[in-house]
Protein backbone atom coordinates (compact mmCIF):
# COMPACT_ATOMS: atom_id res chain seq x y z
CA MET A 1 -15.08 13.65 11.50
CA HIS A 2 -18.81 13.22 11.24
CA GLU A 3 -19.55 16.19 8.92
CA SER A 4 -18.95 14.10 5.78
CA LEU A 5 -18.93 10.73 7.62
CA MET A 6 -15.26 9.92 7.22
CA THR A 7 -13.64 6.90 8.79
CA TYR A 8 -9.84 6.24 8.95
CA GLN A 9 -8.57 2.99 10.34
CA TRP A 10 -4.94 1.97 10.24
CA GLU A 11 -3.15 -0.95 11.81
CA ARG A 12 0.38 -2.15 11.53
CA ALA A 13 2.31 -5.05 12.95
CA THR A 14 5.70 -6.47 11.90
CA THR A 15 4.17 -8.84 9.39
CA HIS A 16 0.79 -7.33 8.75
CA ALA A 17 -0.53 -3.85 7.86
CA SER A 18 -3.97 -2.74 6.85
CA ALA A 19 -5.60 0.61 6.16
CA ARG A 20 -9.20 1.49 5.40
CA ILE A 21 -10.72 4.82 4.51
CA THR A 22 -14.35 5.53 4.02
CA MET A 23 -15.56 8.98 2.81
CA HIS A 24 -19.27 9.24 2.55
CA ALA A 25 -19.19 12.70 0.98
CA SER A 26 -18.93 11.18 -2.44
CA LEU A 27 -19.20 7.57 -1.28
CA MET A 28 -15.51 6.71 -1.62
CA THR A 29 -14.10 3.63 -0.09
CA TYR A 30 -10.43 2.64 0.12
CA GLN A 31 -9.42 -0.64 1.49
CA TRP A 32 -5.81 -1.75 1.69
CA GLN A 33 -4.33 -4.94 3.19
CA HIS A 34 -0.80 -6.09 3.28
CA ALA A 35 0.70 -9.37 4.46
CA THR A 36 4.06 -10.76 3.78
CA THR A 37 3.07 -12.53 0.57
CA HIS A 38 -0.32 -11.01 -0.39
CA VAL A 39 -1.47 -7.48 -1.08
CA SER A 40 -4.91 -6.35 -2.23
CA ALA A 41 -6.50 -2.91 -2.79
CA ASN A 42 -10.04 -2.03 -3.40
CA ILE A 43 -11.36 1.47 -4.28
CA THR A 44 -14.85 2.47 -5.02
CA MET A 45 -15.78 6.08 -5.96
CA HIS A 46 -19.45 6.51 -6.58
CA ALA A 47 -19.14 10.20 -7.45
CA SER A 48 -17.99 9.31 -10.93
CA LEU A 49 -19.17 5.68 -10.65
CA MET A 50 -15.67 4.18 -10.87
CA THR A 51 -14.49 1.02 -9.35
CA TYR A 52 -10.81 -0.04 -9.08
CA GLN A 53 -9.99 -3.45 -7.79
CA TRP A 54 -6.49 -4.79 -7.61
CA GLN A 55 -4.87 -7.92 -6.22
CA ARG A 56 -1.32 -8.89 -5.99
CA ALA A 57 0.40 -12.17 -5.02
CA THR A 58 3.72 -12.21 -6.72
CA THR A 59 6.95 -10.04 -6.39
CA HIS A 60 6.50 -6.49 -7.71
CA VAL A 61 3.49 -4.43 -8.76
CA SER A 62 2.68 -0.73 -9.26
CA ALA A 63 -0.66 1.01 -10.16
CA ASN A 64 -1.41 4.56 -10.98
CA ILE A 65 -4.94 6.00 -11.52
CA THR A 66 -5.77 9.56 -12.33
CA ILE A 67 -9.49 10.67 -12.55
CA HIS A 68 -9.91 14.25 -13.67
CA ALA A 69 -13.65 14.23 -13.00
CA SER A 70 -13.05 15.43 -9.42
CA LEU A 71 -9.23 15.61 -9.75
CA MET A 72 -8.60 12.35 -7.88
CA THR A 73 -5.18 10.75 -8.01
CA LEU A 74 -4.32 7.31 -6.80
CA GLN A 75 -0.76 6.14 -6.73
CA TRP A 76 0.24 2.88 -5.35
CA GLU A 77 3.53 1.05 -5.51
CA HIS A 78 4.67 -2.12 -3.89
CA ALA A 79 7.97 -3.89 -3.76
CA THR A 80 9.24 -6.70 -1.59
CA THR A 81 10.48 -4.33 1.10
CA HIS A 82 8.75 -0.96 0.42
CA ALA A 83 5.15 -0.02 -0.19
CA SER A 84 3.58 3.44 -0.51
CA ALA A 85 0.13 4.70 -1.30
CA SER A 86 -1.03 8.21 -1.99
CA ILE A 87 -4.55 9.42 -2.70
CA THR A 88 -5.49 13.04 -3.44
CA MET A 89 -9.14 14.07 -4.00
CA HIS A 90 -9.43 17.70 -4.75
CA ALA A 91 -13.25 17.62 -4.75
CA SER A 92 -13.30 18.06 -1.03
CA LEU A 93 -9.50 18.52 -0.66
CA MET A 94 -8.80 15.23 0.96
CA THR A 95 -5.24 13.78 1.07
CA TYR A 96 -4.24 10.42 2.15
CA GLN A 97 -0.58 9.41 2.26
CA TRP A 98 0.78 6.14 3.41
CA GLN A 99 4.26 4.80 3.45
CA ARG A 100 5.67 1.55 4.73
CA ALA A 101 9.20 0.15 5.07
CA THR A 102 10.34 -2.93 6.85
CA THR A 103 10.63 -1.12 10.19
CA GLN A 104 9.04 2.24 9.72
CA ALA A 105 5.44 3.16 8.89
CA SER A 106 3.68 6.50 8.67
CA ALA A 107 0.20 7.62 7.83
CA SER A 108 -1.20 11.13 7.18
CA VAL A 109 -4.72 12.23 6.49
CA THR A 110 -5.87 15.75 5.68
CA VAL A 111 -9.43 16.66 5.15
CA HIS A 112 -10.65 20.12 4.29
CA ALA A 113 -14.25 19.23 3.55
CA SER A 114 -16.13 21.28 6.18
CA LEU A 115 -16.34 20.98 9.95
CA MET A 116 -14.12 18.41 11.53
CA THR A 117 -14.47 17.23 15.07
């Protein structure tokens, strides 16, 4: 998807999972890493000059961010056995959904910006 220079990378193993999304249309960067005991998330959105950094090293954490500037919604929840992340950016109609369980993981990306190849 070179029209708006988007990059989606996702890796999952039994003990390690990581996801990274870069959308140059509005200079958004989403980085997510998960290990058995440590989780970190980093989001930078230059369109509305917002930076969200989050780190977790204990047992249970949840974070929810809603930015009405370009109708972006970031929901992230993590428990000891289940983790899910959802990002919706209505500015260019991007949708990123990620779910993880102990044995099952799925990822979905939808981009309606312009021309996708």
